[in-house]
Amino acid sequence: MDDTNRPGQRGLLVLLGVVALFVVLIVVSGSPARFLNWVFSILAAFSLLLLFAFVFALVLVVVAAVLRRYVERRRQEPDDEPRDRQSPQPRMRGAQYFHRRQRHHRPADEWEDRDY
């Protein structure tokens, strides 16, 4: 069994298996048309299996990427929250509103006395 561990020996065994499968299908089928029908059916089933495996792997990769982005954003949110809570944004809005309100209600003579 140590001889079958080499890659060349494995390839030869796979080739012999495929040839044996073809010989069995030829003998069992009885006609070349039925043999080709079976071969194409087996190839179609194998290609569909590979296609399903590829699509499944692709879906897994996309879902993993989306989940990774979601986790990274969730991790960054707590880091950003303290900055937002400490930001003077509400006070700035109130100060701007108060400043505008004061400016609109100033007496006319104060505007005339000011030099620009």
N, C-alpha and C. Protein backbone atom coordinates (compact mmCIF):
# COMPACT_ATOMS: atom_id res chain seq x y z
N MET A 1 0.81 -1.20 0.00
CA MET A 1 0.00 0.00 0.00
C MET A 1 0.85 1.26 0.00
N ASP A 2 2.10 1.17 0.37
CA ASP A 2 2.97 2.33 0.36
C ASP A 2 3.24 2.80 -1.06
N ASP A 3 3.13 1.88 -2.05
CA ASP A 3 3.38 2.25 -3.43
C ASP A 3 2.28 3.15 -3.99
N THR A 4 1.06 3.08 -3.46
CA THR A 4 -0.05 3.88 -3.98
C THR A 4 -0.06 5.30 -3.42
N ASN A 5 0.86 5.64 -2.54
CA ASN A 5 0.89 6.98 -1.97
C ASN A 5 1.53 7.99 -2.90
N ARG A 6 2.26 7.52 -3.91
CA ARG A 6 2.88 8.45 -4.84
C ARG A 6 1.83 9.02 -5.80
N PRO A 7 1.97 10.29 -6.22
CA PRO A 7 0.95 10.90 -7.09
C PRO A 7 0.81 10.17 -8.43
N GLY A 8 1.90 9.67 -9.01
CA GLY A 8 1.81 8.96 -10.28
C GLY A 8 1.00 7.69 -10.16
N GLN A 9 1.15 6.99 -9.06
CA GLN A 9 0.41 5.75 -8.83
C GLN A 9 -1.09 6.05 -8.64
N ARG A 10 -1.39 7.12 -7.95
CA ARG A 10 -2.80 7.49 -7.72
C ARG A 10 -3.47 7.84 -9.05
N GLY A 11 -2.76 8.61 -9.87
CA GLY A 11 -3.31 8.98 -11.17
C GLY A 11 -3.57 7.76 -12.03
N LEU A 12 -2.66 6.81 -11.98
CA LEU A 12 -2.83 5.58 -12.75
C LEU A 12 -4.04 4.78 -12.25
N LEU A 13 -4.22 4.74 -10.92
CA LEU A 13 -5.38 4.03 -10.37
C LEU A 13 -6.69 4.70 -10.77
N VAL A 14 -6.72 6.03 -10.78
CA VAL A 14 -7.93 6.75 -11.19
C VAL A 14 -8.23 6.47 -12.66
N LEU A 15 -7.20 6.50 -13.49
CA LEU A 15 -7.38 6.23 -14.92
C LEU A 15 -7.90 4.81 -15.14
N LEU A 16 -7.33 3.84 -14.42
CA LEU A 16 -7.81 2.46 -14.53
C LEU A 16 -9.26 2.34 -14.06
N GLY A 17 -9.64 3.07 -13.03
CA GLY A 17 -11.02 3.05 -12.56
C GLY A 17 -11.98 3.60 -13.58
N VAL A 18 -11.60 4.71 -14.25
CA VAL A 18 -12.46 5.30 -15.27
C VAL A 18 -12.60 4.36 -16.46
N VAL A 19 -11.49 3.76 -16.88
CA VAL A 19 -11.54 2.81 -17.99
C VAL A 19 -12.42 1.61 -17.62
N ALA A 20 -12.28 1.11 -16.40
CA ALA A 20 -13.11 -0.02 -15.96
C ALA A 20 -14.59 0.37 -15.96
N LEU A 21 -14.90 1.60 -15.54
CA LEU A 21 -16.29 2.06 -15.55
C LEU A 21 -16.84 2.10 -16.98
N PHE A 22 -16.02 2.62 -17.92
CA PHE A 22 -16.45 2.66 -19.31
C PHE A 22 -16.68 1.26 -19.87
N VAL A 23 -15.79 0.33 -19.55
CA VAL A 23 -15.95 -1.05 -20.04
C VAL A 23 -17.23 -1.66 -19.48
N VAL A 24 -17.50 -1.45 -18.20
CA VAL A 24 -18.72 -1.99 -17.61
C VAL A 24 -19.95 -1.36 -18.26
N LEU A 25 -19.92 -0.06 -18.50
CA LEU A 25 -21.06 0.59 -19.15
C LEU A 25 -21.27 0.10 -20.57
N ILE A 26 -20.18 -0.16 -21.31
CA ILE A 26 -20.31 -0.66 -22.68
C ILE A 26 -20.93 -2.05 -22.67
N VAL A 27 -20.46 -2.89 -21.75
CA VAL A 27 -20.98 -4.26 -21.70
C VAL A 27 -22.44 -4.26 -21.28
N VAL A 28 -22.80 -3.46 -20.29
CA VAL A 28 -24.17 -3.46 -19.76
C VAL A 28 -25.14 -2.80 -20.75
N SER A 29 -24.69 -1.75 -21.43
CA SER A 29 -25.60 -0.99 -22.28
C SER A 29 -26.06 -1.78 -23.50
N GLY A 30 -25.17 -2.50 -24.13
CA GLY A 30 -25.56 -3.30 -25.29
C GLY A 30 -25.50 -2.55 -26.60
N SER A 31 -25.66 -1.23 -26.59
CA SER A 31 -25.57 -0.46 -27.84
C SER A 31 -24.79 0.82 -27.59
N PRO A 32 -24.11 1.33 -28.63
CA PRO A 32 -23.33 2.56 -28.45
C PRO A 32 -24.19 3.78 -28.08
N ALA A 33 -25.41 3.83 -28.57
CA ALA A 33 -26.28 4.97 -28.27
C ALA A 33 -26.64 4.98 -26.78
N ARG A 34 -26.98 3.84 -26.25
CA ARG A 34 -27.33 3.76 -24.84
C ARG A 34 -26.09 4.05 -23.97
N PHE A 35 -24.92 3.58 -24.42
CA PHE A 35 -23.68 3.85 -23.69
C PHE A 35 -23.41 5.36 -23.63
N LEU A 36 -23.53 6.03 -24.78
CA LEU A 36 -23.31 7.48 -24.81
C LEU A 36 -24.34 8.20 -23.95
N ASN A 37 -25.56 7.73 -23.94
CA ASN A 37 -26.60 8.33 -23.11
C ASN A 37 -26.21 8.23 -21.64
N TRP A 38 -25.73 7.09 -21.20
CA TRP A 38 -25.32 6.92 -19.80
C TRP A 38 -24.10 7.79 -19.47
N VAL A 39 -23.14 7.83 -20.38
CA VAL A 39 -21.94 8.63 -20.13
C VAL A 39 -22.31 10.11 -20.01
N PHE A 40 -23.15 10.58 -20.93
CA PHE A 40 -23.54 11.99 -20.86
C PHE A 40 -24.39 12.27 -19.63
N SER A 41 -25.20 11.33 -19.21
CA SER A 41 -25.98 11.52 -17.99
C SER A 41 -25.07 11.61 -16.76
N ILE A 42 -24.06 10.76 -16.72
CA ILE A 42 -23.11 10.81 -15.60
C ILE A 42 -22.32 12.11 -15.61
N LEU A 43 -21.87 12.54 -16.80
CA LEU A 43 -21.14 13.81 -16.90
C LEU A 43 -22.02 15.00 -16.52
N ALA A 44 -23.28 14.97 -16.94
CA ALA A 44 -24.20 16.07 -16.59
C ALA A 44 -24.44 16.11 -15.08
N ALA A 45 -24.62 14.94 -14.48
CA ALA A 45 -24.83 14.90 -13.02
C ALA A 45 -23.60 15.41 -12.28
N PHE A 46 -22.42 15.01 -12.74
CA PHE A 46 -21.19 15.45 -12.09
C PHE A 46 -20.98 16.95 -12.26
N SER A 47 -21.27 17.47 -13.45
CA SER A 47 -21.10 18.92 -13.66
C SER A 47 -22.12 19.72 -12.85
N LEU A 48 -23.34 19.21 -12.72
CA LEU A 48 -24.33 19.89 -11.87
C LEU A 48 -23.91 19.88 -10.42
N LEU A 49 -23.34 18.77 -9.99
CA LEU A 49 -22.84 18.69 -8.62
C LEU A 49 -21.73 19.71 -8.38
N LEU A 50 -20.82 19.82 -9.34
CA LEU A 50 -19.75 20.83 -9.22
C LEU A 50 -20.32 22.25 -9.24
N LEU A 51 -21.32 22.48 -10.08
CA LEU A 51 -21.94 23.81 -10.15
C LEU A 51 -22.61 24.17 -8.83
N PHE A 52 -23.35 23.23 -8.25
CA PHE A 52 -23.99 23.49 -6.96
C PHE A 52 -22.96 23.74 -5.86
N ALA A 53 -21.87 22.98 -5.88
CA ALA A 53 -20.82 23.18 -4.88
C ALA A 53 -20.18 24.56 -5.04
N PHE A 54 -19.95 24.98 -6.29
CA PHE A 54 -19.35 26.29 -6.55
C PHE A 54 -20.28 27.42 -6.10
N VAL A 55 -21.56 27.32 -6.43
CA VAL A 55 -22.52 28.36 -6.04
C VAL A 55 -22.65 28.42 -4.52
N PHE A 56 -22.68 27.27 -3.87
CA PHE A 56 -22.76 27.23 -2.41
C PHE A 56 -21.54 27.90 -1.78
N ALA A 57 -20.34 27.60 -2.32
CA ALA A 57 -19.13 28.22 -1.80
C ALA A 57 -19.16 29.73 -2.03
N LEU A 58 -19.65 30.17 -3.18
CA LEU A 58 -19.73 31.60 -3.47
C LEU A 58 -20.69 32.30 -2.52
N VAL A 59 -21.83 31.69 -2.25
CA VAL A 59 -22.80 32.26 -1.31
C VAL A 59 -22.19 32.35 0.09
N LEU A 60 -21.46 31.31 0.50
CA LEU A 60 -20.81 31.35 1.81
C LEU A 60 -19.79 32.48 1.90
N VAL A 61 -19.03 32.69 0.83
CA VAL A 61 -18.03 33.76 0.84
C VAL A 61 -18.71 35.12 0.95
N VAL A 62 -19.79 35.33 0.21
CA VAL A 62 -20.49 36.62 0.25
C VAL A 62 -21.11 36.85 1.63
N VAL A 63 -21.73 35.83 2.19
CA VAL A 63 -22.34 35.97 3.52
C VAL A 63 -21.26 36.25 4.57
N ALA A 64 -20.12 35.58 4.46
CA ALA A 64 -19.04 35.82 5.42
C ALA A 64 -18.51 37.25 5.30
N ALA A 65 -18.40 37.77 4.07
CA ALA A 65 -17.92 39.14 3.89
C ALA A 65 -18.92 40.15 4.47
N VAL A 66 -20.20 39.92 4.25
CA VAL A 66 -21.22 40.84 4.79
C VAL A 66 -21.22 40.80 6.31
N LEU A 67 -21.12 39.61 6.88
CA LEU A 67 -21.08 39.49 8.34
C LEU A 67 -19.84 40.14 8.92
N ARG A 68 -18.71 40.01 8.24
CA ARG A 68 -17.47 40.64 8.72
C ARG A 68 -17.61 42.15 8.74
N ARG A 69 -18.21 42.72 7.67
CA ARG A 69 -18.42 44.18 7.65
C ARG A 69 -19.36 44.62 8.77
N TYR A 70 -20.41 43.84 8.98
CA TYR A 70 -21.38 44.17 10.03
C TYR A 70 -20.70 44.14 11.40
N VAL A 71 -19.89 43.13 11.65
CA VAL A 71 -19.20 43.03 12.94
C VAL A 71 -18.21 44.17 13.10
N GLU A 72 -17.49 44.54 12.03
CA GLU A 72 -16.55 45.65 12.13
C GLU A 72 -17.27 46.96 12.42
N ARG A 73 -18.41 47.18 11.79
CA ARG A 73 -19.17 48.41 12.05
C ARG A 73 -19.71 48.43 13.47
N ARG A 74 -20.17 47.29 13.95
CA ARG A 74 -20.67 47.22 15.33
C ARG A 74 -19.54 47.47 16.32
N ARG A 75 -18.34 47.02 15.98
CA ARG A 75 -17.19 47.25 16.85
C ARG A 75 -16.79 48.72 16.86
N GLN A 76 -16.95 49.39 15.73
CA GLN A 76 -16.56 50.80 15.64
C GLN A 76 -17.59 51.71 16.28
N GLU A 77 -18.85 51.31 16.34
CA GLU A 77 -19.89 52.16 16.93
C GLU A 77 -19.62 52.53 18.38
N PRO A 78 -19.26 51.61 19.27
CA PRO A 78 -18.99 52.01 20.65
C PRO A 78 -17.80 52.96 20.76
N ASP A 79 -16.83 52.86 19.84
CA ASP A 79 -15.70 53.78 19.85
C ASP A 79 -16.15 55.19 19.48
N ASP A 80 -17.12 55.30 18.56
CA ASP A 80 -17.58 56.61 18.12
C ASP A 80 -18.58 57.23 19.09
N GLU A 81 -19.31 56.44 19.85
CA GLU A 81 -20.34 56.97 20.74
C GLU A 81 -19.81 57.95 21.79
N PRO A 82 -18.73 57.67 22.49
CA PRO A 82 -18.28 58.65 23.49
C PRO A 82 -17.94 60.00 22.87
N ARG A 83 -17.40 60.00 21.66
CA ARG A 83 -17.11 61.27 21.00
C ARG A 83 -18.39 62.03 20.70
N ASP A 84 -19.43 61.33 20.28
CA ASP A 84 -20.70 61.98 19.99
C ASP A 84 -21.34 62.52 21.25
N ARG A 85 -21.24 61.78 22.32
CA ARG A 85 -21.84 62.23 23.57
C ARG A 85 -21.10 63.43 24.14
N GLN A 86 -19.81 63.52 23.92
CA GLN A 86 -19.03 64.63 24.45
C GLN A 86 -19.05 65.84 23.52
N SER A 87 -19.53 65.65 22.30
CA SER A 87 -19.49 66.76 21.35
C SER A 87 -20.45 67.86 21.79
N PRO A 88 -20.08 69.11 21.62
CA PRO A 88 -20.93 70.23 22.04
C PRO A 88 -21.97 70.60 20.99
N GLN A 89 -22.38 69.66 20.16
CA GLN A 89 -23.31 69.97 19.09
C GLN A 89 -24.63 70.55 19.59
N PRO A 90 -25.30 69.99 20.57
CA PRO A 90 -26.56 70.60 21.01
C PRO A 90 -26.37 72.01 21.55
N ARG A 91 -25.27 72.23 22.26
CA ARG A 91 -25.02 73.58 22.77
C ARG A 91 -24.74 74.55 21.63
N MET A 92 -24.05 74.08 20.61
CA MET A 92 -23.77 74.95 19.46
C MET A 92 -25.07 75.35 18.77
N ARG A 93 -25.96 74.40 18.59
CA ARG A 93 -27.22 74.72 17.94
C ARG A 93 -28.01 75.73 18.76
N GLY A 94 -28.04 75.54 20.05
CA GLY A 94 -28.75 76.48 20.91
C GLY A 94 -28.10 77.85 20.89
N ALA A 95 -26.77 77.89 20.89
CA ALA A 95 -26.06 79.16 20.87
C ALA A 95 -26.29 79.87 19.55
N GLN A 96 -26.29 79.12 18.45
CA GLN A 96 -26.52 79.75 17.15
C GLN A 96 -27.95 80.30 17.09
N TYR A 97 -28.89 79.56 17.60
CA TYR A 97 -30.27 80.02 17.58
C TYR A 97 -30.42 81.27 18.44
N PHE A 98 -29.82 81.27 19.62
CA PHE A 98 -29.91 82.41 20.50
C PHE A 98 -29.22 83.61 19.87
N HIS A 99 -28.08 83.39 19.24
CA HIS A 99 -27.35 84.48 18.62
C HIS A 99 -28.16 85.09 17.48
N ARG A 100 -28.77 84.26 16.66
CA ARG A 100 -29.60 84.78 15.57
C ARG A 100 -30.79 85.56 16.12
N ARG A 101 -31.39 85.03 17.16
CA ARG A 101 -32.54 85.69 17.74
C ARG A 101 -32.14 87.05 18.29
N GLN A 102 -31.00 87.12 18.93
CA GLN A 102 -30.53 88.40 19.46
C GLN A 102 -30.28 89.38 18.33
N ARG A 103 -29.68 88.89 17.26
CA ARG A 103 -29.33 89.79 16.18
C ARG A 103 -30.59 90.38 15.54
N HIS A 104 -31.65 89.63 15.42
CA HIS A 104 -32.86 90.13 14.78
C HIS A 104 -33.60 91.13 15.66
N HIS A 105 -33.41 91.09 16.97
CA HIS A 105 -34.15 91.97 17.86
C HIS A 105 -33.32 93.14 18.37
N ARG A 106 -32.20 93.39 17.74
CA ARG A 106 -31.40 94.53 18.18
C ARG A 106 -32.08 95.84 17.77
N PRO A 107 -31.90 96.85 18.55
CA PRO A 107 -32.45 98.16 18.16
C PRO A 107 -31.71 98.73 16.95
N ALA A 108 -32.38 99.55 16.21
CA ALA A 108 -31.82 100.10 14.98
C ALA A 108 -30.64 101.03 15.27
N ASP A 109 -30.65 101.78 16.38
CA ASP A 109 -29.57 102.73 16.66
C ASP A 109 -28.27 101.98 16.99
N GLU A 110 -28.34 100.76 17.50
CA GLU A 110 -27.12 100.01 17.78
C GLU A 110 -26.43 99.64 16.48
N TRP A 111 -27.19 99.35 15.45
CA TRP A 111 -26.60 99.02 14.15
C TRP A 111 -25.93 100.26 13.56
N GLU A 112 -26.52 101.42 13.77
CA GLU A 112 -25.97 102.64 13.20
C GLU A 112 -24.70 103.06 13.91
N ASP A 113 -24.56 102.81 15.21
CA ASP A 113 -23.39 103.23 15.95
C ASP A 113 -22.17 102.35 15.68
N ARG A 114 -22.38 101.14 15.25
CA ARG A 114 -21.27 100.22 15.07
C ARG A 114 -20.50 100.56 13.81
N ASP A 115 -19.15 100.61 13.91
CA ASP A 115 -18.30 100.86 12.74
C ASP A 115 -17.77 99.53 12.21
N TYR A 116 -17.81 99.35 10.92
CA TYR A 116 -17.31 98.11 10.33
C TYR A 116 -15.95 98.37 9.84
